[in-house]
PDB file of N, CA and C in Angstrom:
ATOM      1  N   UNK A   1       4.368  12.937 -15.586  1.00  0.00           N
ATOM      2  CA  UNK A   1       4.363  12.572 -14.199  1.00  0.00           C
ATOM      3  C   UNK A   1       3.565  11.259 -13.365  1.00  0.00           C
ATOM      4  N   UNK A   2       4.039  10.953 -12.610  1.00  0.00           N
ATOM      5  CA  UNK A   2       4.620   9.946 -12.152  1.00  0.00           C
ATOM      6  C   UNK A   2       2.565   9.647 -11.487  1.00  0.00           C
ATOM      7  N   UNK A   3       1.975   8.899 -12.122  1.00  0.00           N
ATOM      8  CA  UNK A   3       0.677   8.186 -11.686  1.00  0.00           C
ATOM      9  C   UNK A   3       0.617   6.582 -11.338  1.00  0.00           C
ATOM     10  N   UNK A   4      -0.355   6.719 -10.185  1.00  0.00           N
ATOM     11  CA  UNK A   4       0.161   4.984  -9.715  1.00  0.00           C
ATOM     12  C   UNK A   4      -1.692   5.202  -9.490  1.00  0.00           C
ATOM     13  N   UNK A   5      -1.940   3.406  -9.435  1.00  0.00           N
ATOM     14  CA  UNK A   5      -3.358   2.786  -9.747  1.00  0.00           C
ATOM     15  C   UNK A   5      -3.513   1.602  -8.762  1.00  0.00           C
ATOM     16  N   UNK A   6      -4.288   1.240  -7.826  1.00  0.00           N
ATOM     17  CA  UNK A   6      -4.435   0.583  -6.301  1.00  0.00           C
ATOM     18  C   UNK A   6      -5.883  -0.170  -7.770  1.00  0.00           C
ATOM     19  N   UNK A   7      -5.432  -1.554  -7.248  1.00  0.00           N
ATOM     20  CA  UNK A   7      -5.654  -3.045  -7.781  1.00  0.00           C
ATOM     21  C   UNK A   7      -6.339  -3.619  -6.628  1.00  0.00           C
ATOM     22  N   UNK A   8      -7.744  -4.345  -6.255  1.00  0.00           N
ATOM     23  CA  UNK A   8      -8.022  -5.385  -5.058  1.00  0.00           C
ATOM     24  C   UNK A   8      -8.926  -6.185  -5.683  1.00  0.00           C
ATOM     25  N   UNK A   9      -9.320  -6.721  -4.700  1.00  0.00           N
ATOM     26  CA  UNK A   9     -10.658  -7.272  -4.361  1.00  0.00           C
ATOM     27  C   UNK A   9     -11.235  -5.467  -3.130  1.00  0.00           C
ATOM     28  N   UNK A  10     -12.897  -5.633  -3.416  1.00  0.00           N
ATOM     29  CA  UNK A  10     -13.505  -4.828  -2.489  1.00  0.00           C
ATOM     30  C   UNK A  10     -13.365  -5.709  -1.207  1.00  0.00           C
ATOM     31  N   UNK A  11     -13.463  -6.547  -1.059  1.00  0.00           N
ATOM     32  CA  UNK A  11     -14.666  -7.257  -0.467  1.00  0.00           C
ATOM     33  C   UNK A  11     -13.322  -8.292   0.400  1.00  0.00           C
ATOM     34  N   UNK A  12     -13.896  -8.826   1.804  1.00  0.00           N
ATOM     35  CA  UNK A  12     -13.579 -10.047   1.783  1.00  0.00           C
ATOM     36  C   UNK A  12     -13.851 -10.442   3.257  1.00  0.00           C
ATOM     37  N   UNK A  13     -13.937 -11.828   3.700  1.00  0.00           N
ATOM     38  CA  UNK A  13     -14.388 -12.255   4.855  1.00  0.00           C
ATOM     39  C   UNK A  13     -12.920 -11.899   5.601  1.00  0.00           C
ATOM     40  N   UNK A  14     -13.636 -12.477   6.899  1.00  0.00           N
ATOM     41  CA  UNK A  14     -12.255 -11.345   7.863  1.00  0.00           C
ATOM     42  C   UNK A  14     -12.394 -13.430   8.788  1.00  0.00           C
ATOM     43  N   UNK A  15     -10.290 -13.533   8.450  1.00  0.00           N
ATOM     44  CA  UNK A  15      -8.991 -14.518   8.326  1.00  0.00           C
ATOM     45  C   UNK A  15      -8.641 -14.590   6.771  1.00  0.00           C
ATOM     46  N   UNK A  16      -9.310 -14.152   5.754  1.00  0.00           N
ATOM     47  CA  UNK A  16      -8.559 -13.546   4.136  1.00  0.00           C
ATOM     48  C   UNK A  16      -7.749 -13.456   4.233  1.00  0.00           C
ATOM     49  N   UNK A  17      -7.175 -13.087   3.592  1.00  0.00           N
ATOM     50  CA  UNK A  17      -5.690 -12.912   2.704  1.00  0.00           C
ATOM     51  C   UNK A  17      -5.768 -11.398   1.924  1.00  0.00           C
ATOM     52  N   UNK A  18      -5.460 -10.051   2.648  1.00  0.00           N
ATOM     53  CA  UNK A  18      -5.762  -9.069   1.434  1.00  0.00           C
ATOM     54  C   UNK A  18      -4.552  -8.752   0.270  1.00  0.00           C
ATOM     55  N   UNK A  19      -4.279  -8.693  -0.716  1.00  0.00           N
ATOM     56  CA  UNK A  19      -3.741  -8.847  -1.364  1.00  0.00           C
ATOM     57  C   UNK A  19      -3.839  -7.536  -2.174  1.00  0.00           C
ATOM     58  N   UNK A  20      -3.248  -6.414  -3.021  1.00  0.00           N
ATOM     59  CA  UNK A  20      -3.476  -5.115  -3.173  1.00  0.00           C
ATOM     60  C   UNK A  20      -2.379  -4.824  -3.934  1.00  0.00           C
ATOM     61  N   UNK A  21      -2.508  -4.412  -5.240  1.00  0.00           N
ATOM     62  CA  UNK A  21      -1.309  -4.039  -6.045  1.00  0.00           C
ATOM     63  C   UNK A  21      -1.785  -2.591  -6.740  1.00  0.00           C
ATOM     64  N   UNK A  22      -0.496  -2.190  -6.751  1.00  0.00           N
ATOM     65  CA  UNK A  22       0.081  -0.786  -7.437  1.00  0.00           C
ATOM     66  C   UNK A  22       0.826  -0.498  -8.347  1.00  0.00           C
ATOM     67  N   UNK A  23      -0.013  -0.621  -9.560  1.00  0.00           N
ATOM     68  CA  UNK A  23       0.535  -0.222 -10.892  1.00  0.00           C
ATOM     69  C   UNK A  23       0.922   1.389 -10.719  1.00  0.00           C
ATOM     70  N   UNK A  24       1.961   1.317 -11.431  1.00  0.00           N
ATOM     71  CA  UNK A  24       3.344   3.176 -11.330  1.00  0.00           C
ATOM     72  C   UNK A  24       2.858   2.797 -12.941  1.00  0.00           C
ATOM     73  N   UNK A  25       3.104   3.823 -13.794  1.00  0.00           N
ATOM     74  CA  UNK A  25       3.509   3.939 -14.472  1.00  0.00           C
ATOM     75  C   UNK A  25       3.819   6.438 -14.422  1.00  0.00           C
ATOM     76  N   UNK A  26       4.785   6.342 -15.519  1.00  0.00           N
ATOM     77  CA  UNK A  26       4.786   7.517 -15.705  1.00  0.00           C
ATOM     78  C   UNK A  26       6.505   8.279 -14.735  1.00  0.00           C
ATOM     79  N   UNK A  27       6.891   6.577 -14.422  1.00  0.00           N
ATOM     80  CA  UNK A  27       8.638   6.622 -13.262  1.00  0.00           C
ATOM     81  C   UNK A  27       8.343   5.505 -13.139  1.00  0.00           C
ATOM     82  N   UNK A  28       9.841   4.636 -12.708  1.00  0.00           N
ATOM     83  CA  UNK A  28      10.343   3.007 -12.291  1.00  0.00           C
ATOM     84  C   UNK A  28      10.041   3.232 -10.512  1.00  0.00           C
ATOM     85  N   UNK A  29       9.701   2.240  -9.760  1.00  0.00           N
ATOM     86  CA  UNK A  29       9.991   1.772  -8.837  1.00  0.00           C
ATOM     87  C   UNK A  29      11.378   1.779  -8.315  1.00  0.00           C
ATOM     88  N   UNK A  30      12.093   1.603  -9.481  1.00  0.00           N
ATOM     89  CA  UNK A  30      13.005   1.859  -8.797  1.00  0.00           C
ATOM     90  C   UNK A  30      14.252   3.129  -8.878  1.00  0.00           C
ATOM     91  N   UNK A  31      13.495   3.923  -8.983  1.00  0.00           N
ATOM     92  CA  UNK A  31      14.103   5.007  -9.252  1.00  0.00           C
ATOM     93  C   UNK A  31      14.426   5.432  -7.545  1.00  0.00           C
ATOM     94  N   UNK A  32      16.087   6.106  -7.974  1.00  0.00           N
ATOM     95  CA  UNK A  32      16.826   7.534  -6.142  1.00  0.00           C
ATOM     96  C   UNK A  32      15.583   8.053  -6.150  1.00  0.00           C
ATOM     97  N   UNK A  33      15.676   8.315  -4.722  1.00  0.00           N
ATOM     98  CA  UNK A  33      15.606   7.916  -3.892  1.00  0.00           C
ATOM     99  C   UNK A  33      14.128   7.415  -2.755  1.00  0.00           C
ATOM    100  N   UNK A  34      13.257   7.123  -3.521  1.00  0.00           N
ATOM    101  CA  UNK A  34      12.178   7.481  -3.327  1.00  0.00           C
ATOM    102  C   UNK A  34      11.627   6.030  -1.919  1.00  0.00           C
ATOM    103  N   UNK A  35      10.615   6.127  -1.538  1.00  0.00           N
ATOM    104  CA  UNK A  35       9.618   5.382  -0.701  1.00  0.00           C
ATOM    105  C   UNK A  35       8.430   5.090  -1.779  1.00  0.00           C
ATOM    106  N   UNK A  36       8.367   3.592  -1.615  1.00  0.00           N
ATOM    107  CA  UNK A  36       7.097   2.917  -2.150  1.00  0.00           C
ATOM    108  C   UNK A  36       5.453   2.875  -1.462  1.00  0.00           C
ATOM    109  N   UNK A  37       4.787   3.091  -0.975  1.00  0.00           N
ATOM    110  CA  UNK A  37       4.351   3.396   0.655  1.00  0.00           C
ATOM    111  C   UNK A  37       2.924   2.658  -0.255  1.00  0.00           C
ATOM    112  N   UNK A  38       2.701   2.092   1.383  1.00  0.00           N
ATOM    113  CA  UNK A  38       0.920   1.733   1.257  1.00  0.00           C
ATOM    114  C   UNK A  38      -0.109   2.160   2.666  1.00  0.00           C
ATOM    115  N   UNK A  39      -0.662   3.238   2.751  1.00  0.00           N
ATOM    116  CA  UNK A  39      -0.826   4.155   3.807  1.00  0.00           C
ATOM    117  C   UNK A  39      -2.945   3.761   3.945  1.00  0.00           C
ATOM    118  N   UNK A  40      -3.295   3.442   5.027  1.00  0.00           N
ATOM    119  CA  UNK A  40      -5.058   3.424   4.707  1.00  0.00           C
ATOM    120  C   UNK A  40      -5.241   4.262   5.298  1.00  0.00           C
ATOM    121  N   UNK A  41      -6.713   4.624   5.304  1.00  0.00           N
ATOM    122  CA  UNK A  41      -7.873   5.041   6.345  1.00  0.00           C
ATOM    123  C   UNK A  41      -8.901   4.881   6.555  1.00  0.00           C
ATOM    124  N   UNK A  42      -8.863   4.027   7.874  1.00  0.00           N
ATOM    125  CA  UNK A  42     -10.430   3.252   8.583  1.00  0.00           C
ATOM    126  C   UNK A  42     -11.840   4.469   8.648  1.00  0.00           C
ATOM    127  N   UNK A  43     -12.198   4.073   8.906  1.00  0.00           N
ATOM    128  CA  UNK A  43     -13.441   4.968   9.228  1.00  0.00           C
ATOM    129  C   UNK A  43     -13.705   6.028  10.002  1.00  0.00           C
ATOM    130  N   UNK A  44     -13.526   7.245  10.080  1.00  0.00           N
ATOM    131  CA  UNK A  44     -13.772   8.259  10.884  1.00  0.00           C
ATOM    132  C   UNK A  44     -12.016   8.442  11.929  1.00  0.00           C
ATOM    133  N   UNK A  45     -11.553   8.073  10.752  1.00  0.00           N
ATOM    134  CA  UNK A  45      -9.690   8.010  11.825  1.00  0.00           C
ATOM    135  C   UNK A  45      -8.574   8.674  10.057  1.00  0.00           C
ATOM    136  N   UNK A  46      -7.724   9.163  10.619  1.00  0.00           N
ATOM    137  CA  UNK A  46      -7.138   9.880   9.862  1.00  0.00           C
ATOM    138  C   UNK A  46      -5.811   8.766   8.981  1.00  0.00           C
ATOM    139  N   UNK A  47      -5.096   9.595   7.991  1.00  0.00           N
ATOM    140  CA  UNK A  47      -4.261   8.941   7.696  1.00  0.00           C
ATOM    141  C   UNK A  47      -3.403   7.292   8.468  1.00  0.00           C
ATOM    142  N   UNK A  48      -3.219   6.497   8.354  1.00  0.00           N
ATOM    143  CA  UNK A  48      -2.187   5.980   8.910  1.00  0.00           C
ATOM    144  C   UNK A  48      -1.163   5.062   7.918  1.00  0.00           C
ATOM    145  N   UNK A  49       0.205   5.511   8.062  1.00  0.00           N
ATOM    146  CA  UNK A  49       1.646   4.633   7.194  1.00  0.00           C
ATOM    147  C   UNK A  49       1.422   3.171   7.627  1.00  0.00           C
ATOM    148  N   UNK A  50       1.135   2.253   6.538  1.00  0.00           N
ATOM    149  CA  UNK A  50       1.177   0.536   7.064  1.00  0.00           C
ATOM    150  C   UNK A  50       2.702   0.109   6.648  1.00  0.00           C
ATOM    151  N   UNK A  51       3.169   0.993   5.571  1.00  0.00           N
ATOM    152  CA  UNK A  51       4.704  -0.277   5.433  1.00  0.00           C
ATOM    153  C   UNK A  51       5.080   0.630   3.926  1.00  0.00           C
ATOM    154  N   UNK A  52       6.595   0.171   3.466  1.00  0.00           N
ATOM    155  CA  UNK A  52       6.639   0.975   2.405  1.00  0.00           C
ATOM    156  C   UNK A  52       8.099   0.117   2.020  1.00  0.00           C
ATOM    157  N   UNK A  53       8.475   0.472   0.142  1.00  0.00           N
ATOM    158  CA  UNK A  53       9.557  -0.054  -0.566  1.00  0.00           C
ATOM    159  C   UNK A  53      10.461   0.407  -0.597  1.00  0.00           C
ATOM    160  N   UNK A  54      11.464   0.178  -0.248  1.00  0.00           N
ATOM    161  CA  UNK A  54      12.494   1.339  -0.833  1.00  0.00           C
ATOM    162  C   UNK A  54      12.757   1.372  -2.385  1.00  0.00           C
ATOM    163  N   UNK A  55      13.508   1.805  -2.638  1.00  0.00           N
ATOM    164  CA  UNK A  55      13.627   2.241  -4.502  1.00  0.00           C
ATOM    165  C   UNK A  55      15.127   0.846  -4.308  1.00  0.00           C
ATOM    166  N   UNK A  56      15.759   0.073  -3.537  1.00  0.00           N
ATOM    167  CA  UNK A  56      16.136  -0.889  -3.486  1.00  0.00           C
ATOM    168  C   UNK A  56      15.758  -1.951  -3.298  1.00  0.00           C
ATOM    169  N   UNK A  57      14.863  -1.975  -3.250  1.00  0.00           N
ATOM    170  CA  UNK A  57      14.163  -3.217  -2.687  1.00  0.00           C
ATOM    171  C   UNK A  57      13.858  -3.550  -1.079  1.00  0.00           C
ATOM    172  N   UNK A  58      14.306  -2.395  -0.180  1.00  0.00           N
ATOM    173  CA  UNK A  58      14.634  -3.043   1.203  1.00  0.00           C
ATOM    174  C   UNK A  58      12.705  -2.407   1.762  1.00  0.00           C
ATOM    175  N   UNK A  59      12.401  -2.905   3.144  1.00  0.00           N
ATOM    176  CA  UNK A  59      11.555  -2.949   2.803  1.00  0.00           C
ATOM    177  C   UNK A  59      10.900  -2.263   4.770  1.00  0.00           C
ATOM    178  N   UNK A  60       9.721  -0.981   5.236  1.00  0.00           N
ATOM    179  CA  UNK A  60       9.808  -1.460   6.501  1.00  0.00           C
ATOM    180  C   UNK A  60       8.450  -1.388   6.589  1.00  0.00           C
ATOM    181  N   UNK A  61       8.117  -1.628   7.886  1.00  0.00           N
ATOM    182  CA  UNK A  61       6.666  -1.697   8.177  1.00  0.00           C
ATOM    183  C   UNK A  61       6.574  -1.070   9.803  1.00  0.00           C
ATOM    184  N   UNK A  62       4.623  -1.129  10.009  1.00  0.00           N
ATOM    185  CA  UNK A  62       4.601  -0.773  11.283  1.00  0.00           C
ATOM    186  C   UNK A  62       5.314  -2.069  12.649  1.00  0.00           C
ATOM    187  N   UNK A  63       5.262  -1.901  13.581  1.00  0.00           N
ATOM    188  CA  UNK A  63       5.491  -3.011  14.024  1.00  0.00           C
ATOM    189  C   UNK A  63       4.316  -4.163  14.277  1.00  0.00           C
ATOM    190  N   UNK A  64       5.027  -5.128  14.819  1.00  0.00           N
ATOM    191  CA  UNK A  64       3.859  -5.838  15.273  1.00  0.00           C
ATOM    192  C   UNK A  64       2.817  -6.022  13.780  1.00  0.00           C
ATOM    193  N   UNK A  65       3.426  -5.805  12.911  1.00  0.00           N
ATOM    194  CA  UNK A  65       2.071  -6.127  11.928  1.00  0.00           C
ATOM    195  C   UNK A  65       1.978  -7.477  10.648  1.00  0.00           C
ATOM    196  N   UNK A  66       0.829  -8.111  10.163  1.00  0.00           N
ATOM    197  CA  UNK A  66       0.937  -8.441   9.410  1.00  0.00           C
ATOM    198  C   UNK A  66       1.370  -8.361   8.144  1.00  0.00           C
ATOM    199  N   UNK A  67       1.836  -7.341   7.826  1.00  0.00           N
ATOM    200  CA  UNK A  67       2.008  -6.557   6.795  1.00  0.00           C
ATOM    201  C   UNK A  67       3.259  -6.996   6.053  1.00  0.00           C
ATOM    202  N   UNK A  68       2.904  -6.914   4.622  1.00  0.00           N
ATOM    203  CA  UNK A  68       4.205  -7.673   3.903  1.00  0.00           C
ATOM    204  C   UNK A  68       4.032  -6.719   2.615  1.00  0.00           C
ATOM    205  N   UNK A  69       4.704  -6.236   1.752  1.00  0.00           N
ATOM    206  CA  UNK A  69       4.893  -5.972   0.734  1.00  0.00           C
ATOM    207  C   UNK A  69       6.060  -5.988  -0.376  1.00  0.00           C
ATOM    208  N   UNK A  70       6.100  -6.230  -1.103  1.00  0.00           N
ATOM    209  CA  UNK A  70       6.804  -7.031  -2.636  1.00  0.00           C
ATOM    210  C   UNK A  70       6.337  -6.083  -3.189  1.00  0.00           C
ATOM    211  N   UNK A  71       7.597  -6.215  -4.815  1.00  0.00           N
ATOM    212  CA  UNK A  71       7.104  -5.777  -5.968  1.00  0.00           C
ATOM    213  C   UNK A  71       7.738  -7.011  -7.426  1.00  0.00           C
ATOM    214  N   UNK A  72       7.150  -5.928  -8.166  1.00  0.00           N
ATOM    215  CA  UNK A  72       7.831  -7.377  -9.087  1.00  0.00           C
ATOM    216  C   UNK A  72       8.808  -5.515 -10.504  1.00  0.00           C
ATOM    217  N   UNK A  73       9.291  -5.489  -9.871  1.00  0.00           N
ATOM    218  CA  UNK A  73      10.547  -4.437 -11.411  1.00  0.00           C
ATOM    219  C   UNK A  73       9.690  -4.317 -12.650  1.00  0.00           C
ATOM    220  N   UNK A  74       9.443  -5.548 -13.323  1.00  0.00           N
ATOM    221  CA  UNK A  74       9.855  -5.971 -14.704  1.00  0.00           C
ATOM    222  C   UNK A  74       8.055  -5.483 -14.985  1.00  0.00           C
ATOM    223  N   UNK A  75       7.212  -5.507 -13.832  1.00  0.00           N
ATOM    224  CA  UNK A  75       6.093  -5.289 -14.314  1.00  0.00           C
ATOM    225  C   UNK A  75       5.106  -3.458 -13.646  1.00  0.00           C
ATOM    226  N   UNK A  76       6.574  -2.719 -12.962  1.00  0.00           N
ATOM    227  CA  UNK A  76       6.943  -1.533 -12.395  1.00  0.00           C
ATOM    228  C   UNK A  76       4.959  -1.501 -11.231  1.00  0.00           C
ATOM    229  N   UNK A  77       5.142  -2.933 -10.389  1.00  0.00           N
ATOM    230  CA  UNK A  77       4.302  -2.306  -9.633  1.00  0.00           C
ATOM    231  C   UNK A  77       4.704  -2.953  -8.050  1.00  0.00           C
ATOM    232  N   UNK A  78       3.910  -2.558  -6.876  1.00  0.00           N
ATOM    233  CA  UNK A  78       4.256  -3.254  -6.098  1.00  0.00           C
ATOM    234  C   UNK A  78       3.248  -3.864  -5.255  1.00  0.00           C
ATOM    235  N   UNK A  79       2.964  -5.239  -3.735  1.00  0.00           N
ATOM    236  CA  UNK A  79       1.946  -5.254  -3.914  1.00  0.00           C
ATOM    237  C   UNK A  79       2.016  -5.083  -2.025  1.00  0.00           C
ATOM    238  N   UNK A  80       0.892  -4.849  -1.205  1.00  0.00           N
ATOM    239  CA  UNK A  80      -0.013  -5.128  -0.579  1.00  0.00           C
ATOM    240  C   UNK A  80      -0.214  -6.230  -0.075  1.00  0.00           C
ATOM    241  N   UNK A  81       0.363  -6.959   1.047  1.00  0.00           N
ATOM    242  CA  UNK A  81      -0.392  -8.529   1.369  1.00  0.00           C
ATOM    243  C   UNK A  81      -0.555  -8.425   3.267  1.00  0.00           C
ATOM    244  N   UNK A  82      -1.684  -8.443   3.667  1.00  0.00           N
ATOM    245  CA  UNK A  82      -2.339  -8.537   4.843  1.00  0.00           C
ATOM    246  C   UNK A  82      -2.695  -9.473   5.141  1.00  0.00           C
ATOM    247  N   UNK A  83      -2.274 -10.807   5.905  1.00  0.00           N
ATOM    248  CA  UNK A  83      -3.088 -11.713   6.545  1.00  0.00           C
ATOM    249  C   UNK A  83      -4.314 -11.614   7.383  1.00  0.00           C
ATOM    250  N   UNK A  84      -4.534 -12.942   7.678  1.00  0.00           N
ATOM    251  CA  UNK A  84      -6.292 -12.832   8.750  1.00  0.00           C
ATOM    252  C   UNK A  84      -6.180 -11.506   8.957  1.00  0.00           C
ATOM    253  N   UNK A  85      -6.826 -11.216   7.639  1.00  0.00           N
ATOM    254  CA  UNK A  85      -7.942  -9.749   8.034  1.00  0.00           C
ATOM    255  C   UNK A  85      -8.982  -9.013   9.675  1.00  0.00           C
ATOM    256  N   UNK A  86      -9.150  -8.888   9.734  1.00  0.00           N
ATOM    257  CA  UNK A  86     -10.209  -8.718  10.661  1.00  0.00           C
ATOM    258  C   UNK A  86     -11.124  -7.176   9.859  1.00  0.00           C
ATOM    259  N   UNK A  87     -12.590  -7.490  11.036  1.00  0.00           N
ATOM    260  CA  UNK A  87     -13.331  -5.713  10.249  1.00  0.00           C
ATOM    261  C   UNK A  87     -12.626  -4.881  11.068  1.00  0.00           C
ATOM    262  N   UNK A  88     -11.388  -4.785  11.627  1.00  0.00           N
ATOM    263  CA  UNK A  88     -10.670  -3.885  11.826  1.00  0.00           C
ATOM    264  C   UNK A  88      -9.768  -2.983  10.712  1.00  0.00           C
ATOM    265  N   UNK A  89      -9.749  -3.833   9.973  1.00  0.00           N
ATOM    266  CA  UNK A  89      -8.624  -3.198   8.474  1.00  0.00           C
ATOM    267  C   UNK A  89      -9.490  -2.800   6.992  1.00  0.00           C
ATOM    268  N   UNK A  90     -10.991  -2.830   7.606  1.00  0.00           N
ATOM    269  CA  UNK A  90     -12.038  -2.331   6.603  1.00  0.00           C
ATOM    270  C   UNK A  90     -11.735  -0.331   6.478  1.00  0.00           C
ATOM    271  N   UNK A  91     -11.359  -0.008   5.273  1.00  0.00           N
ATOM    272  CA  UNK A  91     -10.141   1.322   5.217  1.00  0.00           C
ATOM    273  C   UNK A  91      -9.855   1.410   3.426  1.00  0.00           C
ATOM    274  N   UNK A  92      -9.814   2.950   3.516  1.00  0.00           N
ATOM    275  CA  UNK A  92      -9.430   2.680   2.142  1.00  0.00           C
ATOM    276  C   UNK A  92      -8.360   2.970   2.013  1.00  0.00           C
ATOM    277  N   UNK A  93      -7.355   2.347   1.209  1.00  0.00           N
ATOM    278  CA  UNK A  93      -6.177   1.567   0.789  1.00  0.00           C
ATOM    279  C   UNK A  93      -5.576   2.589   0.035  1.00  0.00           C
ATOM    280  N   UNK A  94      -4.651   3.587   0.169  1.00  0.00           N
ATOM    281  CA  UNK A  94      -3.754   4.106  -0.819  1.00  0.00           C
ATOM    282  C   UNK A  94      -2.327   3.275  -0.619  1.00  0.00           C
ATOM    283  N   UNK A  95      -1.779   3.434  -2.160  1.00  0.00           N
ATOM    284  CA  UNK A  95      -0.563   4.098  -2.462  1.00  0.00           C
ATOM    285  C   UNK A  95      -0.122   5.045  -2.948  1.00  0.00           C
ATOM    286  N   UNK A  96       1.492   5.416  -2.838  1.00  0.00           N
ATOM    287  CA  UNK A  96       1.164   6.420  -2.084  1.00  0.00           C
ATOM    288  C   UNK A  96       3.232   6.412  -2.880  1.00  0.00           C
ATOM    289  N   UNK A  97       3.788   7.268  -3.421  1.00  0.00           N
ATOM    290  CA  UNK A  97       5.369   7.784  -3.290  1.00  0.00           C
ATOM    291  C   UNK A  97       5.571   8.819  -2.921  1.00  0.00           C
ATOM    292  N   UNK A  98       6.549   8.078  -1.746  1.00  0.00           N
ATOM    293  CA  UNK A  98       7.525   9.356  -0.458  1.00  0.00           C
ATOM    294  C   UNK A  98       8.786   9.402  -0.808  1.00  0.00           C
ATOM    295  N   UNK A  99       8.930  10.807  -0.590  1.00  0.00           N
ATOM    296  CA  UNK A  99      10.678  10.814   0.187  1.00  0.00           C
ATOM    297  C   UNK A  99      11.634  10.190   0.802  1.00  0.00           C
ATOM    298  N   UNK A 100      10.421   9.941   1.951  1.00  0.00           N
ATOM    299  CA  UNK A 100      10.903   9.173   2.868  1.00  0.00           C
ATOM    300  C   UNK A 100      10.157   8.368   3.647  1.00  0.00           C
ATOM    301  N   UNK A 101      10.611   7.213   4.409  1.00  0.00           N
ATOM    302  CA  UNK A 101      10.448   5.776   4.839  1.00  0.00           C
ATOM    303  C   UNK A 101       8.832   5.902   5.081  1.00  0.00           C
ATOM    304  N   UNK A 102       8.272   6.885   6.445  1.00  0.00           N
ATOM    305  CA  UNK A 102       6.997   6.308   6.854  1.00  0.00           C
ATOM    306  C   UNK A 102       6.381   7.327   6.899  1.00  0.00           C
ATOM    307  N   UNK A 103       6.649   8.132   6.035  1.00  0.00           N
ATOM    308  CA  UNK A 103       5.779   9.529   5.406  1.00  0.00           C
ATOM    309  C   UNK A 103       4.240   9.221   5.277  1.00  0.00           C
ATOM    310  N   UNK A 104       3.319  10.070   5.660  1.00  0.00           N
ATOM    311  CA  UNK A 104       2.250   9.938   5.388  1.00  0.00           C
ATOM    312  C   UNK A 104       1.890  11.403   4.365  1.00  0.00           C
ATOM    313  N   UNK A 105       2.953  12.655   4.591  1.00  0.00           N
ATOM    314  CA  UNK A 105       2.688  13.678   3.164  1.00  0.00           C
ATOM    315  C   UNK A 105       4.109  13.116   2.075  1.00  0.00           C
ATOM    316  N   UNK A 106       3.109  12.727   0.898  1.00  0.00           N
ATOM    317  CA  UNK A 106       3.946  12.596  -0.134  1.00  0.00           C
ATOM    318  C   UNK A 106       3.376  12.491  -1.305  1.00  0.00           C
ATOM    319  N   UNK A 107       4.533  12.442  -2.745  1.00  0.00           N
ATOM    320  CA  UNK A 107       3.980  13.436  -3.273  1.00  0.00           C
ATOM    321  C   UNK A 107       3.253  13.071  -4.153  1.00  0.00           C
ATOM    322  N   UNK A 108       3.133  11.731  -4.313  1.00  0.00           N
ATOM    323  CA  UNK A 108       1.936  11.344  -5.888  1.00  0.00           C
ATOM    324  C   UNK A 108       1.253  10.218  -4.605  1.00  0.00           C
ATOM    325  N   UNK A 109      -0.139  10.067  -5.630  1.00  0.00           N
ATOM    326  CA  UNK A 109      -1.158   9.499  -4.427  1.00  0.00           C
ATOM    327  C   UNK A 109      -1.882   8.309  -6.054  1.00  0.00           C
ATOM    328  N   UNK A 110      -2.463   7.478  -5.351  1.00  0.00           N
ATOM    329  CA  UNK A 110      -3.589   6.681  -6.003  1.00  0.00           C
ATOM    330  C   UNK A 110      -4.606   6.680  -5.855  1.00  0.00           C
ATOM    331  N   UNK A 111      -5.833   7.072  -6.115  1.00  0.00           N
ATOM    332  CA  UNK A 111      -6.972   7.536  -6.214  1.00  0.00           C
ATOM    333  C   UNK A 111      -7.779   6.464  -4.996  1.00  0.00           C
ATOM    334  N   UNK A 112      -7.176   5.442  -4.139  1.00  0.00           N
ATOM    335  CA  UNK A 112      -7.427   4.683  -3.325  1.00  0.00           C
ATOM    336  C   UNK A 112      -8.591   3.938  -3.444  1.00  0.00           C
ATOM    337  N   UNK A 113      -8.164   2.967  -2.642  1.00  0.00           N
ATOM    338  CA  UNK A 113      -9.095   1.959  -3.283  1.00  0.00           C
ATOM    339  C   UNK A 113      -9.799   0.948  -1.575  1.00  0.00           C
ATOM    340  N   UNK A 114     -11.415   1.186  -1.700  1.00  0.00           N
ATOM    341  CA  UNK A 114     -12.525   0.648  -0.431  1.00  0.00           C
ATOM    342  C   UNK A 114     -11.979  -1.130  -0.588  1.00  0.00           C
ATOM    343  N   UNK A 115     -11.680  -1.162   0.677  1.00  0.00           N
ATOM    344  CA  UNK A 115     -11.917  -2.592   0.969  1.00  0.00           C
ATOM    345  C   UNK A 115     -12.514  -2.859   2.106  1.00  0.00           C
ATOM    346  N   UNK A 116     -13.659  -3.309   2.195  1.00  0.00           N
ATOM    347  CA  UNK A 116     -14.421  -3.838   3.590  1.00  0.00           C
ATOM    348  C   UNK A 116     -14.232  -5.253   3.876  1.00  0.00           C
ATOM    349  N   UNK A 117     -13.750  -5.389   4.734  1.00  0.00           N
ATOM    350  CA  UNK A 117     -14.172  -6.853   5.758  1.00  0.00           C
ATOM    351  C   UNK A 117     -15.399  -7.464   6.240  1.00  0.00           C
ATOM    352  N   UNK A 118     -15.950  -7.873   5.841  1.00  0.00           N
ATOM    353  CA  UNK A 118     -17.305  -8.490   7.162  1.00  0.00           C
ATOM    354  C   UNK A 118     -17.481  -9.988   6.620  1.00  0.00           C
ATOM    355  N   UNK A 119     -18.621 -10.782   7.555  1.00  0.00           N
ATOM    356  CA  UNK A 119     -18.656 -12.080   7.250  1.00  0.00           C
ATOM    357  C   UNK A 119     -19.943 -11.871   6.720  1.00  0.00           C
TER     358      UNK A 119
END
């Protein structure tokens, strides 16, 4: 069974850069044909897809996004980077394994990590 675990800072100040890492166990992030996604849920809102990195290393993001996703195959992990954060980025962030690039209905999920942006 694939397990995902998010890690990163829980509190940032506006204009800082958010970096969250998802460590995967029980499966490889290079396995065909999955997409490894970042999805967030702002307070009082639904799930929102942010971006994904595919098994080949290709990436997709929401339009006009300051999001980037990279991976370290030697550690079997992938990382979300969000620059110049604002309080609007306060959310619970999830990493997930999905069979489609822009899906929020995914097969496996991390438990989620709360990120708060506040001065």
